Every structure is written in structure tokens, then in C-alpha cells.
Amino acid sequence: MNYLAWKMFLDISELGSLSKAATAWETSQPQVSRQIKTLEEEFGGQLFVRNGRGVELSDLGKRIAPQVRLWVQQTEQLSNDIKTSAGEPVGKVRLAILPSTATPWLSHVFELLRDRYPLVQLEVREAQGDQLESWLEEGKVDLALLFRQSSDPSNGDIYLREAPTYLVGPPGDKLTNNGQVEFSELDNLPLVLFCRPSSWRDRLDLLAARYEITLNVVLEADSLSLQTHSVADNGCYALLGPYASEAAKRTLGVNVAKVVGPVIKRYLALGMSPHGQLTLATKKVKELIREIANKYPPGFE
């Protein structure tokens, strides 16, 4: 099997475009098309179909993509294993993170990684919780830094720390001026929350039903920037973790109050893909993330 051709197949499936893949590979779109055509002729089936935006995997492509991804990873790892026979970590580690953890976490992790393990390449992707879960399950990333709702780790997760929830209000807002707010006071507030599907939204709905309040969601947005600017400019409120709340307070001057009665805890966790391999490079990145978690706790604590 042609490793480069199948690697290109995976890149096209990720990008959804032959032209974008050609740009990424620094080649022409006809060359990419010929490469895929050769694979289709060799294996007797169509791998992609066109849609309104570019291309997507055919039924055959969808069936074989997980196996191809695993084979490509194993091929890359064999090369890395040979290079790491002397104990030096080498290779790419694919990490997915929440946008709120990008600035306080990854800059420190990258700094340590560059100093200690210069042959390890870090690939970082941002998304919200459910998308991170999908990437882990599909093996598209090796590790993910995300919030869990349950206090009990599962599926090999490493819990790094607890993170309470904060109500973020407009600058000078009276409700959030005292640093704490009762959950019951969220009743009918104009809220900006993350889009569904969302385990976070599901949990808030359960709490609202238990405490007999109404969550008045006026805007759904996965963008933290849109959420926090809606709070600052339009008098809305958002329910965020400590990292995003601290950043919004620092940059936009919003008010921040810890939600109590009950305290709504989430757990910052490091998850690993069930389809990944614990390579030496992956192990070292996990160790660095845990080290940073101990050094740089969330704000407001």
C-alpha cells in the first residue's frame, strides 16, 4: 500500500476539498485527483463523492477510513519507534482542547516540550466538548483536554482539577457584583449558552428542573468570544469555567460571580483516544500537561 496516497486520502476527508488538500501538500489539484483516481482503480470503488462545498467520503470511504487511519498511524509509529530505540521521544502528538484552555495551558506545555523533547511535534485543534469527544472516539486525536461532568473518572481519563462555574455578567452588574450568586437567581436571566448537543446543557437543564427555575436562553453560541462580547455589550449573562471567566474579566471588564447553592463543579480532564497508542512522545506530553496543571491553577480560587 502507498502510505503517501492514503495519507492524502485522510487529509482530503478532513479538509473536505481537493483544492485545500492540494494547497496543504504543495501540489496541484489535478495531481491530487489523479492520486485518488489511482487508489479507486486499484481497489475497485469510489472513495469520494462531490457535495455543494467540495467532496465527502463515499459509503466505501466511510467504511475504510478508520482502518486506513489506524494503518497510517501504525506506519508512522514504526518509523518513530526505530528513531526512539535510544529512548528519545520522537513523533507527532495530536491534542484537542477547549478554546478556554488554549492560552493558559498550551503556551506553557509547548515551551516545556520544545526545551525537553525537541523531536516531538505538537498538533493542536480547538473545539467544544461534544466535538472533542467525537475526535477521541474516532481516533482523530490522541489526547483531549476537556471538561467532564461526573466526579468519577472513566475510560482512562486523568482528572487534573475541579473547576467551579461562574456567572459572567455585564460590567457593573449588581447581581454579580458580590462575587457569588445563588443558582436560583438564574431564573429567567437572559443567558448565552453553548449549542446543543451538549452534556453541559443537559446538566444545566436537570439542575433547573430540580430547583424549579427557568433557563431563558436568548442566544446559543459555541464561540467564547461571541458569548463574552454578548455579555459585555448586550446585557446578557453566561455560565463559564474559571479560565474563560478570568479572560473575559481581564479583557472586557465584565463581572464574575461564583455560582453557589449548589456549587456546579466540572472536572478538567485529560482523555486519551481508545484507538491511539501510548507512544513515548504521547506519554511525555501527558506528563507535561499534568505538570502544568499543578503549576497553573484556574483563577478566582
C-alpha atoms as a PDB file:
ATOM      1  CA  MET A   1       0.000   0.000   0.000  1.00  0.00           C
ATOM      2  CA  ASN A   2       1.100   3.513  -0.806  1.00  0.00           C
ATOM      3  CA  TYR A   3       1.493   5.356   2.503  1.00  0.00           C
ATOM      4  CA  LEU A   4       1.561   8.856   0.985  1.00  0.00           C
ATOM      5  CA  ALA A   5      -1.530   8.207  -1.128  1.00  0.00           C
ATOM      6  CA  TRP A   6      -3.558   7.001   1.832  1.00  0.00           C
ATOM      7  CA  LYS A   7      -2.274   9.868   3.960  1.00  0.00           C
ATOM      8  CA  MET A   8      -3.576  12.204   1.267  1.00  0.00           C
ATOM      9  CA  PHE A   9      -6.907  10.318   1.321  1.00  0.00           C
ATOM     10  CA  LEU A  10      -7.212  11.053   5.062  1.00  0.00           C
ATOM     11  CA  ASP A  11      -6.280  14.711   4.601  1.00  0.00           C
ATOM     12  CA  ILE A  12      -8.928  15.155   1.890  1.00  0.00           C
ATOM     13  CA  SER A  13     -11.538  13.558   4.162  1.00  0.00           C
ATOM     14  CA  GLU A  14     -10.589  16.013   6.932  1.00  0.00           C
ATOM     15  CA  LEU A  15     -10.472  19.115   4.710  1.00  0.00           C
ATOM     16  CA  GLY A  16     -13.463  18.225   2.529  1.00  0.00           C
ATOM     17  CA  SER A  17     -11.785  19.736  -0.512  1.00  0.00           C
ATOM     18  CA  LEU A  18      -9.340  18.609  -3.198  1.00  0.00           C
ATOM     19  CA  SER A  19      -8.055  22.164  -3.664  1.00  0.00           C
ATOM     20  CA  LYS A  20      -7.394  22.596   0.080  1.00  0.00           C
ATOM     21  CA  ALA A  21      -5.578  19.276   0.126  1.00  0.00           C
ATOM     22  CA  ALA A  22      -3.515  20.357  -2.876  1.00  0.00           C
ATOM     23  CA  THR A  23      -2.522  23.537  -1.025  1.00  0.00           C
ATOM     24  CA  ALA A  24      -1.599  21.565   2.090  1.00  0.00           C
ATOM     25  CA  TRP A  25       0.522  19.164   0.044  1.00  0.00           C
ATOM     26  CA  GLU A  26       2.016  21.975  -2.074  1.00  0.00           C
ATOM     27  CA  THR A  27       0.887  20.366  -5.316  1.00  0.00           C
ATOM     28  CA  SER A  28      -1.837  20.866  -7.922  1.00  0.00           C
ATOM     29  CA  GLN A  29      -5.471  19.820  -7.681  1.00  0.00           C
ATOM     30  CA  PRO A  30      -5.203  17.618 -10.825  1.00  0.00           C
ATOM     31  CA  GLN A  31      -2.306  15.778  -9.188  1.00  0.00           C
ATOM     32  CA  VAL A  32      -4.419  15.142  -6.087  1.00  0.00           C
ATOM     33  CA  SER A  33      -7.313  13.958  -8.261  1.00  0.00           C
ATOM     34  CA  ARG A  34      -5.021  11.562 -10.142  1.00  0.00           C
ATOM     35  CA  GLN A  35      -3.687  10.156  -6.876  1.00  0.00           C
ATOM     36  CA  ILE A  36      -7.200   9.412  -5.596  1.00  0.00           C
ATOM     37  CA  LYS A  37      -8.237   8.018  -9.008  1.00  0.00           C
ATOM     38  CA  THR A  38      -5.307   5.607  -8.861  1.00  0.00           C
ATOM     39  CA  LEU A  39      -6.428   4.356  -5.448  1.00  0.00           C
ATOM     40  CA  GLU A  40     -10.015   3.945  -6.659  1.00  0.00           C
ATOM     41  CA  GLU A  41      -8.889   1.947  -9.707  1.00  0.00           C
ATOM     42  CA  GLU A  42      -6.568  -0.206  -7.618  1.00  0.00           C
ATOM     43  CA  PHE A  43      -9.206  -1.102  -5.031  1.00  0.00           C
ATOM     44  CA  GLY A  44     -12.282  -1.064  -7.250  1.00  0.00           C
ATOM     45  CA  GLY A  45     -14.508   1.547  -5.651  1.00  0.00           C
ATOM     46  CA  GLN A  46     -15.269   5.249  -5.375  1.00  0.00           C
ATOM     47  CA  LEU A  47     -13.747   6.888  -2.296  1.00  0.00           C
ATOM     48  CA  PHE A  48     -15.293  10.380  -2.504  1.00  0.00           C
ATOM     49  CA  VAL A  49     -18.480  11.996  -3.796  1.00  0.00           C
ATOM     50  CA  ARG A  50     -18.988  15.663  -4.552  1.00  0.00           C
ATOM     51  CA  ASN A  51     -21.240  17.915  -2.493  1.00  0.00           C
ATOM     52  CA  GLY A  52     -22.070  21.601  -2.597  1.00  0.00           C
ATOM     53  CA  ARG A  53     -18.932  22.586  -0.705  1.00  0.00           C
ATOM     54  CA  GLY A  54     -16.352  20.171  -2.122  1.00  0.00           C
ATOM     55  CA  VAL A  55     -16.120  16.437  -1.512  1.00  0.00           C
ATOM     56  CA  GLU A  56     -17.054  13.979   1.208  1.00  0.00           C
ATOM     57  CA  LEU A  57     -16.357  10.318   1.804  1.00  0.00           C
ATOM     58  CA  SER A  58     -18.445   7.813  -0.126  1.00  0.00           C
ATOM     59  CA  ASP A  59     -20.004   4.855   1.688  1.00  0.00           C
ATOM     60  CA  LEU A  60     -16.891   2.845   0.867  1.00  0.00           C
ATOM     61  CA  GLY A  61     -14.658   5.675   2.026  1.00  0.00           C
ATOM     62  CA  LYS A  62     -16.519   5.909   5.349  1.00  0.00           C
ATOM     63  CA  ARG A  63     -16.159   2.161   5.930  1.00  0.00           C
ATOM     64  CA  ILE A  64     -12.446   2.015   5.330  1.00  0.00           C
ATOM     65  CA  ALA A  65     -11.373   5.395   6.804  1.00  0.00           C
ATOM     66  CA  PRO A  66     -10.961   4.120  10.421  1.00  0.00           C
ATOM     67  CA  GLN A  67      -8.805   1.193   9.249  1.00  0.00           C
ATOM     68  CA  VAL A  68      -6.744   3.425   6.962  1.00  0.00           C
ATOM     69  CA  ARG A  69      -6.246   5.935   9.789  1.00  0.00           C
ATOM     70  CA  LEU A  70      -5.048   3.163  12.115  1.00  0.00           C
ATOM     71  CA  TRP A  71      -2.703   1.763   9.456  1.00  0.00           C
ATOM     72  CA  VAL A  72      -1.217   5.209   8.743  1.00  0.00           C
ATOM     73  CA  GLN A  73      -0.703   5.793  12.476  1.00  0.00           C
ATOM     74  CA  GLN A  74       0.955   2.406  12.880  1.00  0.00           C
ATOM     75  CA  THR A  75       3.193   3.065   9.894  1.00  0.00           C
ATOM     76  CA  GLU A  76       4.239   6.434  11.291  1.00  0.00           C
ATOM     77  CA  GLN A  77       4.775   4.898  14.704  1.00  0.00           C
ATOM     78  CA  LEU A  78       7.012   2.164  13.304  1.00  0.00           C
ATOM     79  CA  SER A  79       9.233   4.865  11.858  1.00  0.00           C
ATOM     80  CA  ASN A  80       9.211   6.730  15.158  1.00  0.00           C
ATOM     81  CA  ASP A  81       9.898   3.556  17.138  1.00  0.00           C
ATOM     82  CA  ILE A  82      13.035   2.980  15.128  1.00  0.00           C
ATOM     83  CA  LYS A  83      14.145   6.539  15.826  1.00  0.00           C
ATOM     84  CA  THR A  84      13.308   6.230  19.523  1.00  0.00           C
ATOM     85  CA  SER A  85      15.195   2.995  20.056  1.00  0.00           C
ATOM     86  CA  ALA A  86      17.696   5.037  22.051  1.00  0.00           C
ATOM     87  CA  GLY A  87      14.908   6.325  24.313  1.00  0.00           C
ATOM     88  CA  GLU A  88      14.444   9.751  22.722  1.00  0.00           C
ATOM     89  CA  PRO A  89      10.747  10.643  22.191  1.00  0.00           C
ATOM     90  CA  VAL A  90      10.006  11.406  18.560  1.00  0.00           C
ATOM     91  CA  GLY A  91       6.863  11.995  16.542  1.00  0.00           C
ATOM     92  CA  LYS A  92       3.600  13.902  16.332  1.00  0.00           C
ATOM     93  CA  VAL A  93       1.098  14.085  19.196  1.00  0.00           C
ATOM     94  CA  ARG A  94      -2.394  15.272  18.241  1.00  0.00           C
ATOM     95  CA  LEU A  95      -4.048  17.201  21.061  1.00  0.00           C
ATOM     96  CA  ALA A  96      -7.578  18.631  21.097  1.00  0.00           C
ATOM     97  CA  ILE A  97      -8.507  21.338  23.576  1.00  0.00           C
ATOM     98  CA  LEU A  98     -11.283  23.656  24.642  1.00  0.00           C
ATOM     99  CA  PRO A  99     -10.724  27.248  23.471  1.00  0.00           C
ATOM    100  CA  SER A 100     -10.760  28.428  27.090  1.00  0.00           C
ATOM    101  CA  THR A 101      -7.675  26.346  27.913  1.00  0.00           C
ATOM    102  CA  ALA A 102      -5.572  27.431  24.941  1.00  0.00           C
ATOM    103  CA  THR A 103      -3.836  30.461  26.376  1.00  0.00           C
ATOM    104  CA  PRO A 104      -3.224  29.440  29.993  1.00  0.00           C
ATOM    105  CA  TRP A 105      -2.211  25.888  29.181  1.00  0.00           C
ATOM    106  CA  LEU A 106      -0.756  25.249  25.794  1.00  0.00           C
ATOM    107  CA  SER A 107       1.805  28.013  25.710  1.00  0.00           C
ATOM    108  CA  HIS A 108       3.415  26.548  28.837  1.00  0.00           C
ATOM    109  CA  VAL A 109       3.189  22.967  27.546  1.00  0.00           C
ATOM    110  CA  PHE A 110       4.739  23.967  24.225  1.00  0.00           C
ATOM    111  CA  GLU A 111       7.549  25.837  25.960  1.00  0.00           C
ATOM    112  CA  LEU A 112       8.492  22.813  28.077  1.00  0.00           C
ATOM    113  CA  LEU A 113       8.082  20.427  25.150  1.00  0.00           C
ATOM    114  CA  ARG A 114      10.395  22.480  22.961  1.00  0.00           C
ATOM    115  CA  ASP A 115      13.047  22.602  25.674  1.00  0.00           C
ATOM    116  CA  ARG A 116      12.917  18.991  26.818  1.00  0.00           C
ATOM    117  CA  TYR A 117      11.783  16.998  23.787  1.00  0.00           C
ATOM    118  CA  PRO A 118      12.571  18.960  20.620  1.00  0.00           C
ATOM    119  CA  LEU A 119      11.826  15.998  18.324  1.00  0.00           C
ATOM    120  CA  VAL A 120       8.178  15.830  19.443  1.00  0.00           C
ATOM    121  CA  GLN A 121       5.750  17.789  17.258  1.00  0.00           C
ATOM    122  CA  LEU A 122       2.509  19.005  18.855  1.00  0.00           C
ATOM    123  CA  GLU A 123      -0.604  19.344  16.680  1.00  0.00           C
ATOM    124  CA  VAL A 124      -3.374  21.258  18.490  1.00  0.00           C
ATOM    125  CA  ARG A 125      -7.034  21.527  17.475  1.00  0.00           C
ATOM    126  CA  GLU A 126      -9.772  23.513  19.228  1.00  0.00           C
ATOM    127  CA  ALA A 127     -13.430  22.581  19.619  1.00  0.00           C
ATOM    128  CA  GLN A 128     -16.217  22.373  22.172  1.00  0.00           C
ATOM    129  CA  GLY A 129     -16.903  19.341  24.358  1.00  0.00           C
ATOM    130  CA  ASP A 130     -19.001  17.064  22.142  1.00  0.00           C
ATOM    131  CA  GLN A 131     -16.712  17.592  19.152  1.00  0.00           C
ATOM    132  CA  LEU A 132     -13.702  16.703  21.299  1.00  0.00           C
ATOM    133  CA  GLU A 133     -15.483  13.515  22.368  1.00  0.00           C
ATOM    134  CA  SER A 134     -16.095  12.570  18.725  1.00  0.00           C
ATOM    135  CA  TRP A 135     -12.484  13.180  17.742  1.00  0.00           C
ATOM    136  CA  LEU A 136     -11.278  10.989  20.601  1.00  0.00           C
ATOM    137  CA  GLU A 137     -13.704   8.190  19.760  1.00  0.00           C
ATOM    138  CA  GLU A 138     -12.841   8.294  16.048  1.00  0.00           C
ATOM    139  CA  GLY A 139      -9.098   8.339  16.715  1.00  0.00           C
ATOM    140  CA  LYS A 140      -8.624  11.708  15.004  1.00  0.00           C
ATOM    141  CA  VAL A 141      -6.690  12.977  18.042  1.00  0.00           C
ATOM    142  CA  ASP A 142      -4.515  11.197  20.591  1.00  0.00           C
ATOM    143  CA  LEU A 143      -5.375  13.311  23.632  1.00  0.00           C
ATOM    144  CA  ALA A 144      -8.037  15.836  24.579  1.00  0.00           C
ATOM    145  CA  LEU A 145      -8.166  18.408  27.346  1.00  0.00           C
ATOM    146  CA  LEU A 146     -11.835  18.832  28.221  1.00  0.00           C
ATOM    147  CA  PHE A 147     -14.388  19.219  31.000  1.00  0.00           C
ATOM    148  CA  ARG A 148     -16.214  16.201  32.415  1.00  0.00           C
ATOM    149  CA  GLN A 149     -19.456  16.402  34.361  1.00  0.00           C
ATOM    150  CA  SER A 150     -19.088  13.296  36.558  1.00  0.00           C
ATOM    151  CA  SER A 151     -16.843  13.304  39.624  1.00  0.00           C
ATOM    152  CA  ASP A 152     -15.714   9.738  38.842  1.00  0.00           C
ATOM    153  CA  PRO A 153     -13.083   9.355  36.084  1.00  0.00           C
ATOM    154  CA  SER A 154     -13.808   6.731  33.429  1.00  0.00           C
ATOM    155  CA  ASN A 155     -12.318   5.403  30.189  1.00  0.00           C
ATOM    156  CA  GLY A 156      -8.789   6.060  31.383  1.00  0.00           C
ATOM    157  CA  ASP A 157      -9.329   9.801  31.945  1.00  0.00           C
ATOM    158  CA  ILE A 158      -6.884  11.659  34.151  1.00  0.00           C
ATOM    159  CA  TYR A 159      -8.626  14.294  36.252  1.00  0.00           C
ATOM    160  CA  LEU A 160      -6.414  17.337  36.643  1.00  0.00           C
ATOM    161  CA  ARG A 161      -8.532  19.540  38.917  1.00  0.00           C
ATOM    162  CA  GLU A 162     -12.008  20.683  39.876  1.00  0.00           C
ATOM    163  CA  ALA A 163     -13.423  23.771  38.178  1.00  0.00           C
ATOM    164  CA  PRO A 164     -16.451  25.618  39.597  1.00  0.00           C
ATOM    165  CA  THR A 165     -18.901  27.511  37.418  1.00  0.00           C
ATOM    166  CA  TYR A 166     -19.169  31.303  37.256  1.00  0.00           C
ATOM    167  CA  LEU A 167     -21.970  33.598  36.181  1.00  0.00           C
ATOM    168  CA  VAL A 168     -20.446  36.234  33.918  1.00  0.00           C
ATOM    169  CA  GLY A 169     -22.437  39.481  33.896  1.00  0.00           C
ATOM    170  CA  PRO A 170     -22.140  42.929  32.307  1.00  0.00           C
ATOM    171  CA  PRO A 171     -19.676  45.469  33.736  1.00  0.00           C
ATOM    172  CA  GLY A 172     -21.097  46.993  36.924  1.00  0.00           C
ATOM    173  CA  ASP A 173     -23.913  44.449  37.117  1.00  0.00           C
ATOM    174  CA  LYS A 174     -25.455  44.339  40.606  1.00  0.00           C
ATOM    175  CA  LEU A 175     -26.333  40.636  40.577  1.00  0.00           C
ATOM    176  CA  THR A 176     -22.726  39.557  40.002  1.00  0.00           C
ATOM    177  CA  ASN A 177     -21.121  42.380  41.978  1.00  0.00           C
ATOM    178  CA  ASN A 178     -20.640  40.449  45.236  1.00  0.00           C
ATOM    179  CA  GLY A 179     -18.575  37.580  43.863  1.00  0.00           C
ATOM    180  CA  GLN A 180     -21.215  34.894  44.496  1.00  0.00           C
ATOM    181  CA  VAL A 181     -24.691  34.222  43.167  1.00  0.00           C
ATOM    182  CA  GLU A 182     -27.279  31.611  44.130  1.00  0.00           C
ATOM    183  CA  PHE A 183     -28.265  29.197  41.364  1.00  0.00           C
ATOM    184  CA  SER A 184     -31.920  30.092  41.943  1.00  0.00           C
ATOM    185  CA  GLU A 185     -31.141  33.687  40.920  1.00  0.00           C
ATOM    186  CA  LEU A 186     -30.525  32.498  37.369  1.00  0.00           C
ATOM    187  CA  ASP A 187     -34.308  32.189  36.962  1.00  0.00           C
ATOM    188  CA  ASN A 188     -35.318  33.909  33.688  1.00  0.00           C
ATOM    189  CA  LEU A 189     -31.995  35.719  33.270  1.00  0.00           C
ATOM    190  CA  PRO A 190     -31.138  36.290  29.583  1.00  0.00           C
ATOM    191  CA  LEU A 191     -28.482  33.605  29.117  1.00  0.00           C
ATOM    192  CA  VAL A 192     -25.950  32.876  26.395  1.00  0.00           C
ATOM    193  CA  LEU A 193     -25.137  29.153  26.402  1.00  0.00           C
ATOM    194  CA  PHE A 194     -23.295  26.649  24.232  1.00  0.00           C
ATOM    195  CA  CYS A 195     -25.193  24.992  21.386  1.00  0.00           C
ATOM    196  CA  ARG A 196     -26.751  21.562  21.604  1.00  0.00           C
ATOM    197  CA  PRO A 197     -25.925  18.690  21.652  1.00  0.00           C
ATOM    198  CA  SER A 198     -24.074  19.394  24.870  1.00  0.00           C
ATOM    199  CA  SER A 199     -23.666  17.378  28.053  1.00  0.00           C
ATOM    200  CA  TRP A 200     -23.194  20.729  29.829  1.00  0.00           C
ATOM    201  CA  ARG A 201     -26.586  21.965  28.640  1.00  0.00           C
ATOM    202  CA  ASP A 202     -28.176  18.674  29.663  1.00  0.00           C
ATOM    203  CA  ARG A 203     -26.765  19.028  33.159  1.00  0.00           C
ATOM    204  CA  LEU A 204     -27.994  22.611  33.476  1.00  0.00           C
ATOM    205  CA  ASP A 205     -31.473  21.514  32.392  1.00  0.00           C
ATOM    206  CA  LEU A 206     -31.548  18.855  35.106  1.00  0.00           C
ATOM    207  CA  LEU A 207     -30.449  21.364  37.741  1.00  0.00           C
ATOM    208  CA  ALA A 208     -33.032  23.893  36.559  1.00  0.00           C
ATOM    209  CA  ALA A 209     -35.794  21.300  36.837  1.00  0.00           C
ATOM    210  CA  ARG A 210     -34.612  20.260  40.308  1.00  0.00           C
ATOM    211  CA  TYR A 211     -34.532  23.839  41.596  1.00  0.00           C
ATOM    212  CA  GLU A 212     -37.678  24.806  39.676  1.00  0.00           C
ATOM    213  CA  ILE A 213     -36.235  27.694  37.700  1.00  0.00           C
ATOM    214  CA  THR A 214     -36.406  28.647  34.035  1.00  0.00           C
ATOM    215  CA  LEU A 215     -33.240  28.980  31.957  1.00  0.00           C
ATOM    216  CA  ASN A 216     -34.023  31.779  29.499  1.00  0.00           C
ATOM    217  CA  VAL A 217     -31.578  31.086  26.681  1.00  0.00           C
ATOM    218  CA  VAL A 218     -31.577  34.095  24.340  1.00  0.00           C
ATOM    219  CA  LEU A 219     -28.527  33.090  22.320  1.00  0.00           C
ATOM    220  CA  GLU A 220     -26.751  29.802  21.590  1.00  0.00           C
ATOM    221  CA  ALA A 221     -23.112  30.136  20.593  1.00  0.00           C
ATOM    222  CA  ASP A 222     -20.084  27.862  20.718  1.00  0.00           C
ATOM    223  CA  SER A 223     -17.808  30.864  20.315  1.00  0.00           C
ATOM    224  CA  LEU A 224     -16.464  32.078  23.659  1.00  0.00           C
ATOM    225  CA  SER A 225     -15.720  35.443  22.088  1.00  0.00           C
ATOM    226  CA  LEU A 226     -19.337  35.839  20.957  1.00  0.00           C
ATOM    227  CA  GLN A 227     -20.623  34.756  24.367  1.00  0.00           C
ATOM    228  CA  THR A 228     -18.462  37.147  26.356  1.00  0.00           C
ATOM    229  CA  HIS A 229     -18.992  40.087  23.987  1.00  0.00           C
ATOM    230  CA  SER A 230     -22.752  39.492  24.182  1.00  0.00           C
ATOM    231  CA  VAL A 231     -22.422  39.769  27.942  1.00  0.00           C
ATOM    232  CA  ALA A 232     -20.335  42.937  27.783  1.00  0.00           C
ATOM    233  CA  ASP A 233     -22.293  44.683  25.024  1.00  0.00           C
ATOM    234  CA  ASN A 234     -25.868  43.385  25.225  1.00  0.00           C
ATOM    235  CA  GLY A 235     -26.562  42.834  28.912  1.00  0.00           C
ATOM    236  CA  CYS A 236     -26.703  39.044  28.712  1.00  0.00           C
ATOM    237  CA  TYR A 237     -25.211  36.503  31.121  1.00  0.00           C
ATOM    238  CA  ALA A 238     -23.014  33.449  30.506  1.00  0.00           C
ATOM    239  CA  LEU A 239     -22.129  30.388  32.591  1.00  0.00           C
ATOM    240  CA  LEU A 240     -18.436  29.692  32.147  1.00  0.00           C
ATOM    241  CA  GLY A 241     -15.497  27.995  33.796  1.00  0.00           C
ATOM    242  CA  PRO A 242     -12.657  29.812  35.561  1.00  0.00           C
ATOM    243  CA  TYR A 243     -10.306  30.165  32.573  1.00  0.00           C
ATOM    244  CA  ALA A 244     -12.859  31.734  30.232  1.00  0.00           C
ATOM    245  CA  SER A 245     -14.322  33.873  33.036  1.00  0.00           C
ATOM    246  CA  GLU A 246     -10.938  35.209  34.074  1.00  0.00           C
ATOM    247  CA  ALA A 247     -10.023  36.042  30.468  1.00  0.00           C
ATOM    248  CA  ALA A 248     -13.329  37.877  29.931  1.00  0.00           C
ATOM    249  CA  LYS A 249     -12.916  39.859  33.148  1.00  0.00           C
ATOM    250  CA  ARG A 250      -9.401  40.855  32.183  1.00  0.00           C
ATOM    251  CA  THR A 251     -10.138  41.865  28.595  1.00  0.00           C
ATOM    252  CA  LEU A 252     -13.756  43.104  28.711  1.00  0.00           C
ATOM    253  CA  GLY A 253     -14.181  44.261  32.303  1.00  0.00           C
ATOM    254  CA  VAL A 254     -17.204  42.026  32.909  1.00  0.00           C
ATOM    255  CA  ASN A 255     -18.363  40.979  36.368  1.00  0.00           C
ATOM    256  CA  VAL A 256     -17.772  37.423  37.552  1.00  0.00           C
ATOM    257  CA  ALA A 257     -19.565  35.628  40.386  1.00  0.00           C
ATOM    258  CA  LYS A 258     -19.188  32.044  41.542  1.00  0.00           C
ATOM    259  CA  VAL A 259     -22.431  30.075  41.311  1.00  0.00           C
ATOM    260  CA  VAL A 260     -23.351  28.561  44.695  1.00  0.00           C
ATOM    261  CA  GLY A 261     -26.305  26.769  46.233  1.00  0.00           C
ATOM    262  CA  PRO A 262     -25.247  24.448  44.648  1.00  0.00           C
ATOM    263  CA  VAL A 263     -21.661  24.931  43.510  1.00  0.00           C
ATOM    264  CA  ILE A 264     -21.662  23.487  39.981  1.00  0.00           C
ATOM    265  CA  LYS A 265     -18.412  21.601  39.656  1.00  0.00           C
ATOM    266  CA  ARG A 266     -16.873  20.354  36.462  1.00  0.00           C
ATOM    267  CA  TYR A 267     -13.652  18.425  36.169  1.00  0.00           C
ATOM    268  CA  LEU A 268     -10.817  19.349  33.856  1.00  0.00           C
ATOM    269  CA  ALA A 269      -9.728  16.021  32.407  1.00  0.00           C
ATOM    270  CA  LEU A 270      -7.128  14.648  30.054  1.00  0.00           C
ATOM    271  CA  GLY A 271      -8.713  11.986  27.862  1.00  0.00           C
ATOM    272  CA  MET A 272      -6.971   9.528  25.554  1.00  0.00           C
ATOM    273  CA  SER A 273      -8.342   8.016  22.367  1.00  0.00           C
ATOM    274  CA  PRO A 274      -9.258   4.313  22.660  1.00  0.00           C
ATOM    275  CA  HIS A 275      -7.735   3.848  19.207  1.00  0.00           C
ATOM    276  CA  GLY A 276      -4.422   5.535  19.995  1.00  0.00           C
ATOM    277  CA  GLN A 277      -1.147   4.105  21.144  1.00  0.00           C
ATOM    278  CA  LEU A 278       0.661   5.300  24.240  1.00  0.00           C
ATOM    279  CA  THR A 279       3.852   6.206  22.439  1.00  0.00           C
ATOM    280  CA  LEU A 280       6.811   7.647  24.262  1.00  0.00           C
ATOM    281  CA  ALA A 281       6.019  11.051  22.746  1.00  0.00           C
ATOM    282  CA  THR A 282       2.370  10.849  23.876  1.00  0.00           C
ATOM    283  CA  LYS A 283       3.455   9.775  27.349  1.00  0.00           C
ATOM    284  CA  LYS A 284       5.775  12.774  27.666  1.00  0.00           C
ATOM    285  CA  VAL A 285       3.070  15.210  26.543  1.00  0.00           C
ATOM    286  CA  LYS A 286       0.696  13.737  29.145  1.00  0.00           C
ATOM    287  CA  GLU A 287       3.350  14.212  31.818  1.00  0.00           C
ATOM    288  CA  LEU A 288       3.906  17.841  30.817  1.00  0.00           C
ATOM    289  CA  ILE A 289       0.185  18.622  30.900  1.00  0.00           C
ATOM    290  CA  ARG A 290      -0.096  17.186  34.412  1.00  0.00           C
ATOM    291  CA  GLU A 291       2.950  19.203  35.470  1.00  0.00           C
ATOM    292  CA  ILE A 292       1.416  22.413  34.122  1.00  0.00           C
ATOM    293  CA  ALA A 293      -1.919  21.608  35.794  1.00  0.00           C
ATOM    294  CA  ASN A 294      -0.192  21.597  39.167  1.00  0.00           C
ATOM    295  CA  LYS A 295       1.698  24.825  38.492  1.00  0.00           C
ATOM    296  CA  TYR A 296      -1.063  26.966  36.995  1.00  0.00           C
ATOM    297  CA  PRO A 297      -4.414  26.539  38.755  1.00  0.00           C
ATOM    298  CA  PRO A 298      -7.509  28.326  37.428  1.00  0.00           C
ATOM    299  CA  GLY A 299      -8.213  31.879  38.543  1.00  0.00           C
ATOM    300  CA  PHE A 300     -10.561  33.148  41.235  1.00  0.00           C
ATOM    301  CA  GLU A 301      -9.533  30.349  43.610  1.00  0.00           C
END
